Amino acid sequence: MGKVVIDPGHGGTDPGARDAAGRPEKESNLRVALKVEALLRRQGIDVLMTRRDDSSVSLPARCKMSDDWGADVYLSLHADAGAPTARGHHAIHSIHSRPGKGGAKLARLIVDEVTRATGRQPMSYGDRGVWSRKSDRNPSKDWYAVIRGTRASAVILERGFLTNPQDAALMFDDADLDRQAEGIARGVCAYFGVPFRAPTPQPQPAPQVGASPALAQPGAKLNVARCRPQDVDVVVTPPARLSEIVRSYVGPVARASNANLYVVAEGRPLGLLWQGGKSVSLYPWSWPVLAIYKDGTARVLTDGWRQEDLASPALSCAVAGAPQRGENLPNRPVSRY
């Protein structure tokens, strides 16, 4: 069927580029990479991730992972930086790739499918956004290490420019990341000759307004939150609309003090976000967080929030949830409950 390495560029101590708000490229790269992974696995394609969290992985180590695994394709996902006017996605392949073969074929397919999925034109560079670059020191070799250092057909996809305000907004927009991921996955499927099967949206049941969080056990149909008064834990299982959480759970949760917040996905704990009045490390920090304060107000913190944003002594507790496709949550105070 095909073996694909997905490489979310940068990570750990290497943030990559940043947008005007200081949001790091490494975060956007990982978010879209995880979406691509899920889509490709759905098609029956084997996937290996070079990183699944905010960790530092050297370029040689990434290449070795690919070669040791015997990958057919190496796909490195990035967001570019340049002049403020530069924008658009583009893909880089090996100088040794022949037109219609290997990396050149993969790059062309991915750029075209991302164009269709997002409705945005690629950067006007190279062959409609597809190009390669040779090393200045040794013109017989590729410039980019992950292309030069892997035996697989390797492509670097730059999904847009963080230095362009329009592109940058889309690099951290979950709905657009879904579209980018679908375009990337469709391109990979076309490369292997595999029909792409789009995921079937699962309808979410309407929340029970005023329901006790204790009734919403993880895995139950409501699948939104659980509050255990004895130890004041709150569990949110994505995907859950924060608007549902606001309507159904703000009151019960806000009456808790020194709340501990655990976030889980597919029944597996991802981490502890808030413990005993102190914020602790959790990925993904890009998930929207509903911060609930002791004075009865609440604020939705969207992409780009920092752990320090939850360090206020006025905070009662916080609830995290992954936004569903098409849900737009502004960074603003929400209604007093």
C-alpha atoms as a PDB file:
ATOM      1  CA  MET A   1       0.000   0.000   0.000  1.00  0.00           C
ATOM      2  CA  GLY A   2       2.811   2.434   0.818  1.00  0.00           C
ATOM      3  CA  LYS A   3       4.821   3.650   3.809  1.00  0.00           C
ATOM      4  CA  VAL A   4       4.801   7.375   4.529  1.00  0.00           C
ATOM      5  CA  VAL A   5       6.929   9.322   6.991  1.00  0.00           C
ATOM      6  CA  ILE A   6       5.242  12.539   8.100  1.00  0.00           C
ATOM      7  CA  ASP A   7       7.717  15.021   9.474  1.00  0.00           C
ATOM      8  CA  PRO A   8       6.256  18.006  11.351  1.00  0.00           C
ATOM      9  CA  GLY A   9       9.055  20.514  10.865  1.00  0.00           C
ATOM     10  CA  HIS A  10      10.974  21.998  13.823  1.00  0.00           C
ATOM     11  CA  GLY A  11       9.810  21.294  17.396  1.00  0.00           C
ATOM     12  CA  GLY A  12      11.135  21.517  20.930  1.00  0.00           C
ATOM     13  CA  THR A  13      13.851  24.152  21.211  1.00  0.00           C
ATOM     14  CA  ASP A  14      13.465  24.973  17.505  1.00  0.00           C
ATOM     15  CA  PRO A  15      10.242  26.982  17.037  1.00  0.00           C
ATOM     16  CA  GLY A  16      10.746  27.605  13.334  1.00  0.00           C
ATOM     17  CA  ALA A  17       9.251  30.818  11.987  1.00  0.00           C
ATOM     18  CA  ARG A  18       6.760  32.911  13.951  1.00  0.00           C
ATOM     19  CA  ASP A  19       3.800  35.012  12.906  1.00  0.00           C
ATOM     20  CA  ALA A  20       3.270  38.616  14.017  1.00  0.00           C
ATOM     21  CA  ALA A  21       1.563  37.402  17.204  1.00  0.00           C
ATOM     22  CA  GLY A  22       4.538  35.213  18.086  1.00  0.00           C
ATOM     23  CA  ARG A  23       2.833  31.898  17.356  1.00  0.00           C
ATOM     24  CA  PRO A  24       5.481  29.319  16.415  1.00  0.00           C
ATOM     25  CA  GLU A  25       5.574  27.394  13.163  1.00  0.00           C
ATOM     26  CA  LYS A  26       6.325  24.156  15.023  1.00  0.00           C
ATOM     27  CA  GLU A  27       2.830  24.158  16.515  1.00  0.00           C
ATOM     28  CA  SER A  28       1.026  24.605  13.205  1.00  0.00           C
ATOM     29  CA  ASN A  29       3.222  21.954  11.588  1.00  0.00           C
ATOM     30  CA  LEU A  30       2.350  19.376  14.232  1.00  0.00           C
ATOM     31  CA  ARG A  31      -1.344  20.168  14.210  1.00  0.00           C
ATOM     32  CA  VAL A  32      -1.696  19.628  10.480  1.00  0.00           C
ATOM     33  CA  ALA A  33       0.624  16.602  10.531  1.00  0.00           C
ATOM     34  CA  LEU A  34      -1.560  14.785  13.052  1.00  0.00           C
ATOM     35  CA  LYS A  35      -4.589  15.449  10.861  1.00  0.00           C
ATOM     36  CA  VAL A  36      -2.780  14.101   7.788  1.00  0.00           C
ATOM     37  CA  GLU A  37      -1.723  11.024   9.737  1.00  0.00           C
ATOM     38  CA  ALA A  38      -5.313  10.251  10.702  1.00  0.00           C
ATOM     39  CA  LEU A  39      -6.540  10.657   7.126  1.00  0.00           C
ATOM     40  CA  LEU A  40      -3.813   8.457   5.649  1.00  0.00           C
ATOM     41  CA  ARG A  41      -4.326   5.709   8.205  1.00  0.00           C
ATOM     42  CA  ARG A  42      -7.988   5.723   7.227  1.00  0.00           C
ATOM     43  CA  GLN A  43      -6.914   4.901   3.676  1.00  0.00           C
ATOM     44  CA  GLY A  44      -4.847   1.928   4.877  1.00  0.00           C
ATOM     45  CA  ILE A  45      -1.508   3.683   4.364  1.00  0.00           C
ATOM     46  CA  ASP A  46       1.230   3.011   6.926  1.00  0.00           C
ATOM     47  CA  VAL A  47       2.447   6.174   8.629  1.00  0.00           C
ATOM     48  CA  LEU A  48       5.454   6.955  10.801  1.00  0.00           C
ATOM     49  CA  MET A  49       5.650  10.328  12.582  1.00  0.00           C
ATOM     50  CA  THR A  50       9.064  11.854  13.286  1.00  0.00           C
ATOM     51  CA  ARG A  51       7.525  13.539  16.327  1.00  0.00           C
ATOM     52  CA  ARG A  52       4.117  13.461  17.981  1.00  0.00           C
ATOM     53  CA  ASP A  53       4.668  16.221  20.516  1.00  0.00           C
ATOM     54  CA  ASP A  54       6.721  19.336  21.087  1.00  0.00           C
ATOM     55  CA  SER A  55      10.063  17.550  21.131  1.00  0.00           C
ATOM     56  CA  SER A  56      13.428  18.267  19.544  1.00  0.00           C
ATOM     57  CA  VAL A  57      14.477  15.801  16.842  1.00  0.00           C
ATOM     58  CA  SER A  58      17.627  16.398  14.806  1.00  0.00           C
ATOM     59  CA  LEU A  59      17.512  16.333  11.020  1.00  0.00           C
ATOM     60  CA  PRO A  60      19.870  13.315  10.802  1.00  0.00           C
ATOM     61  CA  ALA A  61      17.678  11.468  13.312  1.00  0.00           C
ATOM     62  CA  ARG A  62      14.579  12.168  11.212  1.00  0.00           C
ATOM     63  CA  CYS A  63      16.281  10.884   8.093  1.00  0.00           C
ATOM     64  CA  LYS A  64      17.521   7.767   9.910  1.00  0.00           C
ATOM     65  CA  MET A  65      14.013   7.010  11.153  1.00  0.00           C
ATOM     66  CA  SER A  66      12.773   7.083   7.566  1.00  0.00           C
ATOM     67  CA  ASP A  67      15.556   4.921   6.160  1.00  0.00           C
ATOM     68  CA  ASP A  68      15.458   2.388   8.995  1.00  0.00           C
ATOM     69  CA  TRP A  69      11.712   1.999   8.478  1.00  0.00           C
ATOM     70  CA  GLY A  70      12.041   1.635   4.716  1.00  0.00           C
ATOM     71  CA  ALA A  71       9.712   4.518   3.874  1.00  0.00           C
ATOM     72  CA  ASP A  72       8.466   5.055   0.331  1.00  0.00           C
ATOM     73  CA  VAL A  73       7.625   8.711   0.913  1.00  0.00           C
ATOM     74  CA  TYR A  74       9.072  11.342   3.241  1.00  0.00           C
ATOM     75  CA  LEU A  75       6.823  14.378   3.671  1.00  0.00           C
ATOM     76  CA  SER A  76       8.095  17.312   5.722  1.00  0.00           C
ATOM     77  CA  LEU A  77       5.430  19.885   6.636  1.00  0.00           C
ATOM     78  CA  HIS A  78       6.318  23.524   7.201  1.00  0.00           C
ATOM     79  CA  ALA A  79       5.134  27.116   7.032  1.00  0.00           C
ATOM     80  CA  ASP A  80       7.433  29.594   5.300  1.00  0.00           C
ATOM     81  CA  ALA A  81       8.756  33.060   6.123  1.00  0.00           C
ATOM     82  CA  GLY A  82       9.675  35.841   3.716  1.00  0.00           C
ATOM     83  CA  ALA A  83       8.573  39.255   2.574  1.00  0.00           C
ATOM     84  CA  PRO A  84       5.151  40.370   3.889  1.00  0.00           C
ATOM     85  CA  THR A  85       3.764  40.178   0.355  1.00  0.00           C
ATOM     86  CA  ALA A  86       4.926  36.584  -0.214  1.00  0.00           C
ATOM     87  CA  ARG A  87       2.132  34.051   0.180  1.00  0.00           C
ATOM     88  CA  GLY A  88       0.896  30.707  -1.060  1.00  0.00           C
ATOM     89  CA  HIS A  89       1.802  27.050  -0.637  1.00  0.00           C
ATOM     90  CA  HIS A  90       4.676  25.437  -2.527  1.00  0.00           C
ATOM     91  CA  ALA A  91       6.596  22.164  -2.514  1.00  0.00           C
ATOM     92  CA  ILE A  92      10.263  21.277  -2.923  1.00  0.00           C
ATOM     93  CA  HIS A  93      11.565  17.957  -4.277  1.00  0.00           C
ATOM     94  CA  SER A  94      14.982  16.499  -5.081  1.00  0.00           C
ATOM     95  CA  ILE A  95      17.014  17.841  -7.975  1.00  0.00           C
ATOM     96  CA  HIS A  96      17.357  14.212  -9.040  1.00  0.00           C
ATOM     97  CA  SER A  97      13.606  13.632  -9.372  1.00  0.00           C
ATOM     98  CA  ARG A  98      12.464  13.343 -12.967  1.00  0.00           C
ATOM     99  CA  PRO A  99       9.210  15.012 -14.056  1.00  0.00           C
ATOM    100  CA  GLY A 100       6.283  12.761 -13.276  1.00  0.00           C
ATOM    101  CA  LYS A 101       8.411  10.471 -11.099  1.00  0.00           C
ATOM    102  CA  GLY A 102       9.241  10.173  -7.400  1.00  0.00           C
ATOM    103  CA  GLY A 103       9.376  13.386  -5.429  1.00  0.00           C
ATOM    104  CA  ALA A 104       8.599  15.568  -8.432  1.00  0.00           C
ATOM    105  CA  LYS A 105       5.368  13.649  -9.027  1.00  0.00           C
ATOM    106  CA  LEU A 106       4.434  13.732  -5.338  1.00  0.00           C
ATOM    107  CA  ALA A 107       5.119  17.461  -5.038  1.00  0.00           C
ATOM    108  CA  ARG A 108       2.957  18.232  -8.069  1.00  0.00           C
ATOM    109  CA  LEU A 109       0.066  16.125  -6.797  1.00  0.00           C
ATOM    110  CA  ILE A 110       0.155  17.617  -3.303  1.00  0.00           C
ATOM    111  CA  VAL A 111       0.351  21.218  -4.477  1.00  0.00           C
ATOM    112  CA  ASP A 112      -2.564  20.685  -6.877  1.00  0.00           C
ATOM    113  CA  GLU A 113      -4.701  18.917  -4.280  1.00  0.00           C
ATOM    114  CA  VAL A 114      -4.013  21.545  -1.604  1.00  0.00           C
ATOM    115  CA  THR A 115      -5.001  24.188  -4.167  1.00  0.00           C
ATOM    116  CA  ARG A 116      -8.306  22.405  -4.752  1.00  0.00           C
ATOM    117  CA  ALA A 117      -8.978  21.716  -1.065  1.00  0.00           C
ATOM    118  CA  THR A 118      -8.273  25.244   0.165  1.00  0.00           C
ATOM    119  CA  GLY A 119      -9.292  27.266  -2.887  1.00  0.00           C
ATOM    120  CA  ARG A 120      -5.989  29.158  -2.718  1.00  0.00           C
ATOM    121  CA  GLN A 121      -3.446  29.462  -5.486  1.00  0.00           C
ATOM    122  CA  PRO A 122       0.119  28.245  -4.915  1.00  0.00           C
ATOM    123  CA  MET A 123       3.050  30.600  -4.763  1.00  0.00           C
ATOM    124  CA  SER A 124       4.035  31.749  -8.232  1.00  0.00           C
ATOM    125  CA  TYR A 125       7.506  30.249  -8.158  1.00  0.00           C
ATOM    126  CA  GLY A 126       9.069  27.356 -10.050  1.00  0.00           C
ATOM    127  CA  ASP A 127       6.566  25.240 -11.924  1.00  0.00           C
ATOM    128  CA  ARG A 128       3.340  26.562 -10.385  1.00  0.00           C
ATOM    129  CA  GLY A 129       4.674  26.187  -6.878  1.00  0.00           C
ATOM    130  CA  VAL A 130       6.841  23.097  -7.424  1.00  0.00           C
ATOM    131  CA  TRP A 131      10.621  23.442  -7.485  1.00  0.00           C
ATOM    132  CA  SER A 132      13.971  22.071  -6.337  1.00  0.00           C
ATOM    133  CA  ARG A 133      17.259  23.580  -5.180  1.00  0.00           C
ATOM    134  CA  LYS A 134      20.810  22.322  -5.522  1.00  0.00           C
ATOM    135  CA  SER A 135      23.544  22.834  -2.962  1.00  0.00           C
ATOM    136  CA  ASP A 136      25.781  25.857  -3.434  1.00  0.00           C
ATOM    137  CA  ARG A 137      28.804  23.874  -2.211  1.00  0.00           C
ATOM    138  CA  ASN A 138      28.108  20.760  -4.230  1.00  0.00           C
ATOM    139  CA  PRO A 139      25.736  21.332  -7.165  1.00  0.00           C
ATOM    140  CA  SER A 140      25.269  17.587  -7.586  1.00  0.00           C
ATOM    141  CA  LYS A 141      23.480  17.401  -4.223  1.00  0.00           C
ATOM    142  CA  ASP A 142      20.251  18.814  -2.845  1.00  0.00           C
ATOM    143  CA  TRP A 143      20.237  21.917  -0.681  1.00  0.00           C
ATOM    144  CA  TYR A 144      17.766  20.639   1.929  1.00  0.00           C
ATOM    145  CA  ALA A 145      18.995  18.091   4.457  1.00  0.00           C
ATOM    146  CA  VAL A 146      15.850  15.983   4.717  1.00  0.00           C
ATOM    147  CA  ILE A 147      15.686  15.669   0.937  1.00  0.00           C
ATOM    148  CA  ARG A 148      19.413  14.983   0.647  1.00  0.00           C
ATOM    149  CA  GLY A 149      19.544  12.573   3.578  1.00  0.00           C
ATOM    150  CA  THR A 150      16.651  10.199   2.888  1.00  0.00           C
ATOM    151  CA  ARG A 151      16.320   7.347   0.407  1.00  0.00           C
ATOM    152  CA  ALA A 152      12.548   7.812   0.157  1.00  0.00           C
ATOM    153  CA  SER A 153      10.870  10.135  -2.344  1.00  0.00           C
ATOM    154  CA  ALA A 154      11.069  13.286  -0.253  1.00  0.00           C
ATOM    155  CA  VAL A 155       9.024  16.480  -0.437  1.00  0.00           C
ATOM    156  CA  ILE A 156       9.014  19.585   1.724  1.00  0.00           C
ATOM    157  CA  LEU A 157       5.627  21.299   1.708  1.00  0.00           C
ATOM    158  CA  GLU A 158       5.525  24.941   2.724  1.00  0.00           C
ATOM    159  CA  ARG A 159       1.832  25.524   3.414  1.00  0.00           C
ATOM    160  CA  GLY A 160       1.950  29.314   3.365  1.00  0.00           C
ATOM    161  CA  PHE A 161       3.857  32.252   4.834  1.00  0.00           C
ATOM    162  CA  LEU A 162       3.703  33.150   8.509  1.00  0.00           C
ATOM    163  CA  THR A 163       5.061  36.560   7.554  1.00  0.00           C
ATOM    164  CA  ASN A 164       1.934  37.245   5.485  1.00  0.00           C
ATOM    165  CA  PRO A 165      -1.084  38.222   7.638  1.00  0.00           C
ATOM    166  CA  GLN A 166      -3.611  36.408   5.455  1.00  0.00           C
ATOM    167  CA  ASP A 167      -1.606  33.184   5.255  1.00  0.00           C
ATOM    168  CA  ALA A 168      -0.623  33.318   8.936  1.00  0.00           C
ATOM    169  CA  ALA A 169      -4.236  33.417  10.105  1.00  0.00           C
ATOM    170  CA  LEU A 170      -4.956  30.237   8.149  1.00  0.00           C
ATOM    171  CA  MET A 171      -1.940  28.382   9.531  1.00  0.00           C
ATOM    172  CA  PHE A 172      -3.605  28.364  12.976  1.00  0.00           C
ATOM    173  CA  ASP A 173      -7.237  28.049  11.881  1.00  0.00           C
ATOM    174  CA  ASP A 174      -8.502  24.557  12.643  1.00  0.00           C
ATOM    175  CA  ALA A 175     -11.034  24.480   9.813  1.00  0.00           C
ATOM    176  CA  ASP A 176      -8.390  25.498   7.294  1.00  0.00           C
ATOM    177  CA  LEU A 177      -5.913  23.022   8.739  1.00  0.00           C
ATOM    178  CA  ASP A 178      -8.553  20.369   8.029  1.00  0.00           C
ATOM    179  CA  ARG A 179      -8.682  21.502   4.415  1.00  0.00           C
ATOM    180  CA  GLN A 180      -4.900  21.578   4.125  1.00  0.00           C
ATOM    181  CA  ALA A 181      -4.667  18.082   5.612  1.00  0.00           C
ATOM    182  CA  GLU A 182      -7.268  16.717   3.225  1.00  0.00           C
ATOM    183  CA  GLY A 183      -5.443  18.183   0.243  1.00  0.00           C
ATOM    184  CA  ILE A 184      -2.146  16.706   1.412  1.00  0.00           C
ATOM    185  CA  ALA A 185      -3.715  13.299   2.049  1.00  0.00           C
ATOM    186  CA  ARG A 186      -5.443  13.312  -1.346  1.00  0.00           C
ATOM    187  CA  GLY A 187      -2.112  14.064  -3.010  1.00  0.00           C
ATOM    188  CA  VAL A 188      -0.399  11.185  -1.236  1.00  0.00           C
ATOM    189  CA  CYS A 189      -3.253   8.828  -2.123  1.00  0.00           C
ATOM    190  CA  ALA A 190      -3.050   9.869  -5.775  1.00  0.00           C
ATOM    191  CA  TYR A 191       0.685   9.169  -5.710  1.00  0.00           C
ATOM    192  CA  PHE A 192       0.049   5.587  -4.546  1.00  0.00           C
ATOM    193  CA  GLY A 193      -3.018   5.151  -6.746  1.00  0.00           C
ATOM    194  CA  VAL A 194      -5.264   4.709  -3.713  1.00  0.00           C
ATOM    195  CA  PRO A 195      -8.849   6.050  -3.832  1.00  0.00           C
ATOM    196  CA  PHE A 196      -9.342   8.682  -1.140  1.00  0.00           C
ATOM    197  CA  ARG A 197     -12.168   8.036   1.294  1.00  0.00           C
ATOM    198  CA  ALA A 198     -13.288  11.194   3.047  1.00  0.00           C
ATOM    199  CA  PRO A 199     -14.203  10.787   6.713  1.00  0.00           C
ATOM    200  CA  THR A 200     -17.905  10.665   7.471  1.00  0.00           C
ATOM    201  CA  PRO A 201     -18.896  13.493   9.840  1.00  0.00           C
ATOM    202  CA  GLN A 202     -20.303  12.098  13.069  1.00  0.00           C
ATOM    203  CA  PRO A 203     -23.343  14.036  14.332  1.00  0.00           C
ATOM    204  CA  GLN A 204     -22.970  15.365  17.850  1.00  0.00           C
ATOM    205  CA  PRO A 205     -26.011  15.000  20.105  1.00  0.00           C
ATOM    206  CA  ALA A 206     -27.479  18.191  21.501  1.00  0.00           C
ATOM    207  CA  PRO A 207     -26.163  19.021  24.982  1.00  0.00           C
ATOM    208  CA  GLN A 208     -28.447  18.642  27.976  1.00  0.00           C
ATOM    209  CA  VAL A 209     -28.683  22.172  29.282  1.00  0.00           C
ATOM    210  CA  GLY A 210     -28.181  22.251  33.011  1.00  0.00           C
ATOM    211  CA  ALA A 211     -27.327  18.556  33.149  1.00  0.00           C
ATOM    212  CA  SER A 212     -25.081  17.352  35.906  1.00  0.00           C
ATOM    213  CA  PRO A 213     -21.535  16.801  34.590  1.00  0.00           C
ATOM    214  CA  ALA A 214     -21.476  13.565  36.568  1.00  0.00           C
ATOM    215  CA  LEU A 215     -23.892  12.121  33.995  1.00  0.00           C
ATOM    216  CA  ALA A 216     -21.462  12.719  31.138  1.00  0.00           C
ATOM    217  CA  GLN A 217     -19.065   9.852  31.581  1.00  0.00           C
ATOM    218  CA  PRO A 218     -16.148   9.589  29.105  1.00  0.00           C
ATOM    219  CA  GLY A 219     -17.318   7.515  26.182  1.00  0.00           C
ATOM    220  CA  ALA A 220     -20.987   8.220  26.859  1.00  0.00           C
ATOM    221  CA  LYS A 221     -23.137   9.713  24.132  1.00  0.00           C
ATOM    222  CA  LEU A 222     -22.972  13.237  25.507  1.00  0.00           C
ATOM    223  CA  ASN A 223     -19.184  12.973  25.518  1.00  0.00           C
ATOM    224  CA  VAL A 224     -18.509  16.502  26.729  1.00  0.00           C
ATOM    225  CA  ALA A 225     -17.362  16.728  30.341  1.00  0.00           C
ATOM    226  CA  ARG A 226     -17.333  15.062  33.713  1.00  0.00           C
ATOM    227  CA  CYS A 227     -16.985  16.708  37.081  1.00  0.00           C
ATOM    228  CA  ARG A 228     -16.254  14.640  40.176  1.00  0.00           C
ATOM    229  CA  PRO A 229     -16.985  16.874  43.184  1.00  0.00           C
ATOM    230  CA  GLN A 230     -14.913  14.767  45.567  1.00  0.00           C
ATOM    231  CA  ASP A 231     -11.633  15.650  43.837  1.00  0.00           C
ATOM    232  CA  VAL A 232     -12.878  18.392  41.512  1.00  0.00           C
ATOM    233  CA  ASP A 233     -11.582  16.873  38.309  1.00  0.00           C
ATOM    234  CA  VAL A 234     -12.893  17.939  34.933  1.00  0.00           C
ATOM    235  CA  VAL A 235     -12.481  15.772  31.871  1.00  0.00           C
ATOM    236  CA  VAL A 236     -13.215  16.943  28.341  1.00  0.00           C
ATOM    237  CA  THR A 237     -13.140  14.480  25.467  1.00  0.00           C
ATOM    238  CA  PRO A 238     -12.575  16.168  22.095  1.00  0.00           C
ATOM    239  CA  PRO A 239     -14.245  16.893  19.842  1.00  0.00           C
ATOM    240  CA  ALA A 240     -16.612  18.904  22.020  1.00  0.00           C
ATOM    241  CA  ARG A 241     -17.966  22.314  21.114  1.00  0.00           C
ATOM    242  CA  LEU A 242     -16.933  24.896  23.659  1.00  0.00           C
ATOM    243  CA  SER A 243     -20.308  26.533  23.091  1.00  0.00           C
ATOM    244  CA  GLU A 244     -21.878  23.338  24.463  1.00  0.00           C
ATOM    245  CA  ILE A 245     -19.538  23.366  27.422  1.00  0.00           C
ATOM    246  CA  VAL A 246     -20.402  27.004  28.121  1.00  0.00           C
ATOM    247  CA  ARG A 247     -24.133  26.290  28.097  1.00  0.00           C
ATOM    248  CA  SER A 248     -24.066  23.070  30.086  1.00  0.00           C
ATOM    249  CA  TYR A 249     -21.083  23.163  32.390  1.00  0.00           C
ATOM    250  CA  VAL A 250     -19.895  26.682  33.178  1.00  0.00           C
ATOM    251  CA  GLY A 251     -22.007  26.911  36.321  1.00  0.00           C
ATOM    252  CA  PRO A 252     -21.078  23.557  37.884  1.00  0.00           C
ATOM    253  CA  VAL A 253     -17.398  23.851  36.974  1.00  0.00           C
ATOM    254  CA  ALA A 254     -16.955  27.442  38.119  1.00  0.00           C
ATOM    255  CA  ARG A 255     -18.146  26.575  41.619  1.00  0.00           C
ATOM    256  CA  ALA A 256     -15.144  24.301  41.967  1.00  0.00           C
ATOM    257  CA  SER A 257     -11.905  25.576  43.438  1.00  0.00           C
ATOM    258  CA  ASN A 258      -8.360  24.424  42.787  1.00  0.00           C
ATOM    259  CA  ALA A 259      -9.695  22.307  39.947  1.00  0.00           C
ATOM    260  CA  ASN A 260      -7.551  19.764  38.181  1.00  0.00           C
ATOM    261  CA  LEU A 261      -8.092  19.549  34.433  1.00  0.00           C
ATOM    262  CA  TYR A 262      -7.298  16.435  32.437  1.00  0.00           C
ATOM    263  CA  VAL A 263      -7.702  16.320  28.673  1.00  0.00           C
ATOM    264  CA  VAL A 264      -8.258  13.002  26.929  1.00  0.00           C
ATOM    265  CA  ALA A 265      -8.711  11.942  23.315  1.00  0.00           C
ATOM    266  CA  GLU A 266     -10.033   8.586  22.152  1.00  0.00           C
ATOM    267  CA  GLY A 267     -10.050   7.428  25.755  1.00  0.00           C
ATOM    268  CA  ARG A 268      -6.324   8.028  26.250  1.00  0.00           C
ATOM    269  CA  PRO A 269      -5.085  10.789  28.586  1.00  0.00           C
ATOM    270  CA  LEU A 270      -3.046  13.435  26.803  1.00  0.00           C
ATOM    271  CA  GLY A 271      -1.976  15.298  29.880  1.00  0.00           C
ATOM    272  CA  LEU A 272      -2.759  17.468  32.862  1.00  0.00           C
ATOM    273  CA  LEU A 273      -3.281  21.127  32.078  1.00  0.00           C
ATOM    274  CA  TRP A 274      -4.052  22.589  35.481  1.00  0.00           C
ATOM    275  CA  GLN A 275      -3.169  21.217  38.888  1.00  0.00           C
ATOM    276  CA  GLY A 276      -3.703  22.745  42.293  1.00  0.00           C
ATOM    277  CA  GLY A 277      -3.879  26.300  41.017  1.00  0.00           C
ATOM    278  CA  LYS A 278      -0.795  26.000  38.814  1.00  0.00           C
ATOM    279  CA  SER A 279      -0.623  25.576  35.050  1.00  0.00           C
ATOM    280  CA  VAL A 280       1.391  22.604  33.833  1.00  0.00           C
ATOM    281  CA  SER A 281       2.602  21.493  30.444  1.00  0.00           C
ATOM    282  CA  LEU A 282       0.142  19.993  27.997  1.00  0.00           C
ATOM    283  CA  TYR A 283       0.082  19.538  24.262  1.00  0.00           C
ATOM    284  CA  PRO A 284      -1.759  20.671  22.235  1.00  0.00           C
ATOM    285  CA  TRP A 285      -1.876  24.144  23.740  1.00  0.00           C
ATOM    286  CA  SER A 286      -3.600  25.229  20.535  1.00  0.00           C
ATOM    287  CA  TRP A 287      -6.922  23.784  21.698  1.00  0.00           C
ATOM    288  CA  PRO A 288      -9.308  26.529  22.819  1.00  0.00           C
ATOM    289  CA  VAL A 289      -9.607  26.867  26.558  1.00  0.00           C
ATOM    290  CA  LEU A 290     -12.539  28.232  28.510  1.00  0.00           C
ATOM    291  CA  ALA A 291     -11.022  30.078  31.471  1.00  0.00           C
ATOM    292  CA  ILE A 292     -13.572  30.501  34.270  1.00  0.00           C
ATOM    293  CA  TYR A 293     -12.913  33.160  36.892  1.00  0.00           C
ATOM    294  CA  LYS A 294     -14.056  33.408  40.509  1.00  0.00           C
ATOM    295  CA  ASP A 295     -16.096  36.556  39.839  1.00  0.00           C
ATOM    296  CA  GLY A 296     -18.424  34.591  37.573  1.00  0.00           C
ATOM    297  CA  THR A 297     -16.964  35.705  34.232  1.00  0.00           C
ATOM    298  CA  ALA A 298     -15.379  33.473  31.646  1.00  0.00           C
ATOM    299  CA  ARG A 299     -13.088  34.026  28.686  1.00  0.00           C
ATOM    300  CA  VAL A 300     -12.455  31.880  25.632  1.00  0.00           C
ATOM    301  CA  LEU A 301      -8.728  31.660  24.913  1.00  0.00           C
ATOM    302  CA  THR A 302      -8.093  30.583  21.331  1.00  0.00           C
ATOM    303  CA  ASP A 303      -4.974  29.713  19.322  1.00  0.00           C
ATOM    304  CA  GLY A 304      -1.841  31.262  20.719  1.00  0.00           C
ATOM    305  CA  TRP A 305      -2.731  31.300  24.401  1.00  0.00           C
ATOM    306  CA  ARG A 306       0.106  30.677  26.811  1.00  0.00           C
ATOM    307  CA  GLN A 307       0.365  28.725  30.041  1.00  0.00           C
ATOM    308  CA  GLU A 308       0.853  32.081  31.779  1.00  0.00           C
ATOM    309  CA  ASP A 309      -2.667  33.064  30.719  1.00  0.00           C
ATOM    310  CA  LEU A 310      -3.975  30.503  33.213  1.00  0.00           C
ATOM    311  CA  ALA A 311      -1.756  31.622  36.092  1.00  0.00           C
ATOM    312  CA  SER A 312      -4.138  34.296  37.429  1.00  0.00           C
ATOM    313  CA  PRO A 313      -5.131  33.873  41.098  1.00  0.00           C
ATOM    314  CA  ALA A 314      -8.598  35.026  40.026  1.00  0.00           C
ATOM    315  CA  LEU A 315      -9.022  31.877  37.938  1.00  0.00           C
ATOM    316  CA  SER A 316     -11.378  29.253  39.292  1.00  0.00           C
ATOM    317  CA  CYS A 317     -10.648  26.556  36.723  1.00  0.00           C
ATOM    318  CA  ALA A 318     -10.286  25.951  33.007  1.00  0.00           C
ATOM    319  CA  VAL A 319     -11.944  23.680  30.482  1.00  0.00           C
ATOM    320  CA  ALA A 320     -10.291  22.650  27.216  1.00  0.00           C
ATOM    321  CA  GLY A 321     -11.949  21.314  24.088  1.00  0.00           C
ATOM    322  CA  ALA A 322     -11.033  20.805  20.434  1.00  0.00           C
ATOM    323  CA  PRO A 323     -13.177  22.978  18.132  1.00  0.00           C
ATOM    324  CA  GLN A 324     -15.176  21.191  15.482  1.00  0.00           C
ATOM    325  CA  ARG A 325     -14.836  22.040  11.825  1.00  0.00           C
ATOM    326  CA  GLY A 326     -16.375  25.392  11.061  1.00  0.00           C
ATOM    327  CA  GLU A 327     -16.613  26.525  14.687  1.00  0.00           C
ATOM    328  CA  ASN A 328     -15.194  29.992  15.179  1.00  0.00           C
ATOM    329  CA  LEU A 329     -14.459  31.020  18.750  1.00  0.00           C
ATOM    330  CA  PRO A 330     -13.225  34.588  19.224  1.00  0.00           C
ATOM    331  CA  ASN A 331     -10.783  35.501  21.949  1.00  0.00           C
ATOM    332  CA  ARG A 332     -13.224  37.518  23.998  1.00  0.00           C
ATOM    333  CA  PRO A 333     -15.165  37.390  27.269  1.00  0.00           C
ATOM    334  CA  VAL A 334     -18.240  35.163  27.116  1.00  0.00           C
ATOM    335  CA  SER A 335     -21.543  35.880  28.832  1.00  0.00           C
ATOM    336  CA  ARG A 336     -21.696  35.925  32.601  1.00  0.00           C
ATOM    337  CA  TYR A 337     -23.543  32.860  33.778  1.00  0.00           C
END
